[in-house]
Amino acid sequence: MKAKLTIPTWLTLARIVMIPVLIAVFYLPWKWTSVASMLVFVLAAVTDWLDGWIARRYHLYSAFGAFLDPVADKLMVATALFLIVQTHPTPWMAFWAAVIVGREIAVSALREWMAELGQRAAVKVQALGKFKTIVQMVAIACLLYSPSKSAPEWLWMGREVFLIGDWLLAAAALLTLWSGLQYLRAAWPILRAEENKAVPK
């Protein structure tokens, strides 16, 4: 049986296609490479918002789209963070990136396990998670635009944008940890109950 390809799903697929485009643009030997990279990422973020809005507005839901959307988001964010860390390889930048990527992997595994138990609703996306995503997207866009403090003079407000992105990435990492703990807290009673069932009496 073929997967149903709705308009939101096509937008999600387009976001996945943008990942190699982002990498290619990032490494082009052009003066405006950083600006172009930022624009590719922002376009991907817009498609992320747009596919969700279209799906809700016109009830264009599909199981394949529901699976693919978070995968596309995580791949794009992880790729952008790897590029940023390569350009600005400081311990703190690497640490914040590792926290964000590690949390995404952990929460994805938690949701998968909860889905197998029929309890996926217990770890549905919360308001804190959505706010974290906004902060994270803005931080990454800023750091792609200006990947270091020593930004070239022609780059408008390069140093200021980098500092904003640097602080926002730290904030996003802390929000990531907090929201991850919230998901774990919501799932913990169910996980404990399943563990007790598995222990022979």
Protein backbone atom coordinates (compact mmCIF):
# COMPACT_ATOMS: atom_id res chain seq x y z
CA MET A 1 0.00 0.00 0.00
CA LYS A 2 1.42 3.37 -1.03
CA ALA A 3 1.91 6.14 1.52
CA LYS A 4 -0.54 9.02 1.15
CA LEU A 5 1.33 12.08 -0.11
CA THR A 6 -0.62 15.14 0.96
CA ILE A 7 0.50 18.75 0.49
CA PRO A 8 1.93 18.87 4.05
CA THR A 9 3.86 15.67 3.33
CA TRP A 10 5.30 17.17 0.13
CA LEU A 11 6.42 20.20 2.15
CA THR A 12 8.08 17.87 4.65
CA LEU A 13 9.86 16.04 1.83
CA ALA A 14 10.99 19.42 0.47
CA ARG A 15 12.47 20.17 3.90
CA ILE A 16 14.49 16.96 3.75
CA VAL A 17 15.74 17.88 0.27
CA MET A 18 16.89 21.22 1.71
CA ILE A 19 19.35 19.45 4.02
CA PRO A 20 21.95 18.65 1.30
CA VAL A 21 21.19 22.07 -0.20
CA LEU A 22 22.09 23.70 3.14
CA ILE A 23 25.35 21.73 3.30
CA ALA A 24 26.27 22.59 -0.29
CA VAL A 25 25.51 26.30 0.15
CA PHE A 26 27.37 26.43 3.47
CA TYR A 27 30.62 25.28 1.83
CA LEU A 28 30.40 27.38 -1.32
CA PRO A 29 33.37 29.78 -1.67
CA TRP A 30 31.12 32.82 -1.85
CA LYS A 31 31.13 36.05 0.08
CA TRP A 32 27.44 35.70 0.92
CA THR A 33 27.55 32.01 1.88
CA SER A 34 26.52 32.63 5.50
CA VAL A 35 23.52 34.74 4.48
CA ALA A 36 22.46 32.16 1.88
CA SER A 37 22.78 29.34 4.46
CA MET A 38 20.62 31.28 6.88
CA LEU A 39 17.97 31.83 4.19
CA VAL A 40 17.87 28.11 3.34
CA PHE A 41 17.39 27.27 7.02
CA VAL A 42 14.69 29.92 7.47
CA LEU A 43 12.87 28.60 4.41
CA ALA A 44 12.98 25.11 5.90
CA ALA A 45 11.61 26.47 9.19
CA VAL A 46 8.77 28.18 7.30
CA THR A 47 7.83 24.90 5.60
CA ASP A 48 7.80 23.27 9.04
CA TRP A 49 5.23 25.79 10.25
CA LEU A 50 3.32 25.74 6.96
CA ASP A 51 2.88 21.98 6.69
CA GLY A 52 1.45 21.85 10.21
CA TRP A 53 -0.91 24.76 9.53
CA ILE A 54 -2.17 23.26 6.27
CA ALA A 55 -2.66 19.85 7.88
CA ARG A 56 -4.73 21.36 10.71
CA ARG A 57 -6.63 23.85 8.56
CA TYR A 58 -7.67 21.41 5.84
CA HIS A 59 -7.51 18.15 7.83
CA LEU A 60 -4.83 16.73 5.54
CA TYR A 61 -3.40 14.23 7.99
CA SER A 62 -1.55 11.05 7.10
CA ALA A 63 0.35 8.43 9.10
CA PHE A 64 3.36 8.81 6.81
CA GLY A 65 3.37 12.59 7.24
CA ALA A 66 3.05 12.29 11.02
CA PHE A 67 6.11 10.01 11.03
CA LEU A 68 8.17 12.03 8.55
CA ASP A 69 7.62 15.54 9.95
CA PRO A 70 9.58 15.17 13.22
CA VAL A 71 12.28 13.20 11.40
CA ALA A 72 12.77 16.05 8.92
CA ASP A 73 12.88 18.60 11.74
CA LYS A 74 15.51 16.72 13.71
CA LEU A 75 17.68 16.04 10.66
CA MET A 76 17.65 19.70 9.65
CA VAL A 77 18.41 20.96 13.17
CA ALA A 78 21.19 18.41 13.73
CA THR A 79 22.80 19.22 10.37
CA ALA A 80 22.70 22.97 11.02
CA LEU A 81 24.20 22.50 14.50
CA PHE A 82 27.03 20.36 13.13
CA LEU A 83 27.85 23.07 10.59
CA ILE A 84 27.77 25.78 13.26
CA VAL A 85 30.06 23.83 15.60
CA GLN A 86 32.52 23.21 12.78
CA THR A 87 32.68 26.94 12.08
CA HIS A 88 32.85 27.92 15.76
CA PRO A 89 34.47 24.90 17.50
CA THR A 90 34.34 26.02 21.12
CA PRO A 91 33.60 23.65 24.03
CA TRP A 92 30.40 25.48 24.97
CA MET A 93 29.05 25.55 21.42
CA ALA A 94 29.74 21.82 21.08
CA PHE A 95 28.15 21.17 24.47
CA TRP A 96 24.92 23.05 23.69
CA ALA A 97 24.67 21.28 20.33
CA ALA A 98 25.22 17.89 21.97
CA VAL A 99 22.54 18.64 24.57
CA ILE A 100 19.99 19.56 21.90
CA VAL A 101 20.73 16.60 19.61
CA GLY A 102 20.97 14.16 22.53
CA ARG A 103 17.65 15.28 23.96
CA GLU A 104 15.94 14.90 20.58
CA ILE A 105 17.21 11.33 20.30
CA ALA A 106 16.14 10.51 23.87
CA VAL A 107 12.65 12.01 23.54
CA SER A 108 12.13 10.29 20.17
CA ALA A 109 13.03 6.96 21.76
CA LEU A 110 10.71 7.70 24.69
CA ARG A 111 7.81 8.54 22.37
CA GLU A 112 8.41 5.38 20.34
CA TRP A 113 8.34 3.25 23.47
CA MET A 114 5.23 4.99 24.78
CA ALA A 115 3.54 4.46 21.41
CA GLU A 116 4.23 0.73 21.67
CA LEU A 117 2.51 0.80 25.07
CA GLY A 118 -0.45 2.69 23.61
CA GLN A 119 0.39 5.73 25.75
CA ARG A 120 1.76 8.17 23.16
CA ALA A 121 -0.67 10.88 24.31
CA ALA A 122 1.19 11.01 27.63
CA VAL A 123 4.22 12.52 25.88
CA LYS A 124 2.51 14.75 23.34
CA VAL A 125 4.14 18.06 22.42
CA GLN A 126 3.73 20.65 25.18
CA ALA A 127 3.75 24.46 25.12
CA LEU A 128 7.26 24.51 26.60
CA GLY A 129 8.48 22.29 23.78
CA LYS A 130 7.00 24.63 21.17
CA PHE A 131 8.61 27.66 22.82
CA LYS A 132 11.93 25.81 22.91
CA THR A 133 11.63 25.12 19.20
CA ILE A 134 11.09 28.81 18.41
CA VAL A 135 14.12 29.88 20.48
CA GLN A 136 16.20 27.11 18.91
CA MET A 137 15.26 28.06 15.34
CA VAL A 138 16.04 31.75 15.90
CA ALA A 139 19.39 30.84 17.51
CA ILE A 140 20.43 28.60 14.63
CA ALA A 141 19.38 31.18 12.04
CA CYS A 142 21.47 33.83 13.82
CA LEU A 143 24.53 31.57 14.05
CA LEU A 144 24.31 30.54 10.40
CA TYR A 145 24.08 34.22 9.45
CA SER A 146 27.08 35.16 11.59
CA PRO A 147 29.03 32.05 12.66
CA SER A 148 31.70 33.85 14.74
CA LYS A 149 32.43 37.00 16.73
CA SER A 150 34.95 38.10 14.11
CA ALA A 151 32.27 38.71 11.49
CA PRO A 152 33.34 40.60 8.34
CA GLU A 153 32.58 44.32 8.29
CA TRP A 154 30.21 44.03 5.33
CA LEU A 155 27.93 41.67 7.30
CA TRP A 156 25.26 43.89 8.86
CA MET A 157 25.41 43.64 12.68
CA GLY A 158 27.44 40.45 12.35
CA ARG A 159 28.96 40.49 15.84
CA GLU A 160 25.68 41.46 17.52
CA VAL A 161 23.73 38.76 15.68
CA PHE A 162 26.33 36.16 16.66
CA LEU A 163 26.11 37.11 20.33
CA ILE A 164 22.30 36.94 20.20
CA GLY A 165 22.49 33.52 18.57
CA ASP A 166 25.10 32.33 21.06
CA TRP A 167 22.96 33.25 24.06
CA LEU A 168 19.77 31.96 22.47
CA LEU A 169 21.41 28.61 21.71
CA ALA A 170 22.38 28.30 25.37
CA ALA A 171 18.81 29.19 26.35
CA ALA A 172 17.44 26.66 23.85
CA ALA A 173 19.70 23.94 25.30
CA LEU A 174 18.49 24.68 28.84
CA LEU A 175 14.87 24.72 27.67
CA THR A 176 15.59 21.46 25.86
CA LEU A 177 16.74 19.84 29.09
CA TRP A 178 13.77 21.21 31.01
CA SER A 179 11.19 20.11 28.44
CA GLY A 180 12.88 16.70 28.20
CA LEU A 181 12.54 16.29 31.96
CA GLN A 182 8.87 17.27 31.67
CA TYR A 183 8.29 14.51 29.11
CA LEU A 184 10.13 12.01 31.31
CA ARG A 185 8.12 13.09 34.34
CA ALA A 186 4.86 12.57 32.42
CA ALA A 187 5.96 9.13 31.24
CA TRP A 188 7.59 7.97 34.47
CA PRO A 189 4.48 6.49 36.20
CA ILE A 190 3.69 4.44 33.09
CA LEU A 191 7.29 3.28 32.72
CA ARG A 192 7.41 2.27 36.38
CA ALA A 193 4.15 0.35 36.03
CA GLU A 194 5.51 -1.53 33.01
CA GLU A 195 8.74 -2.28 34.85
CA ASN A 196 6.80 -3.70 37.80
CA LYS A 197 4.84 -5.93 35.42
CA ALA A 198 8.08 -7.26 33.95
CA VAL A 199 9.59 -8.14 37.33
CA PRO A 200 8.65 -11.72 38.31
CA LYS A 201 7.01 -12.03 41.70
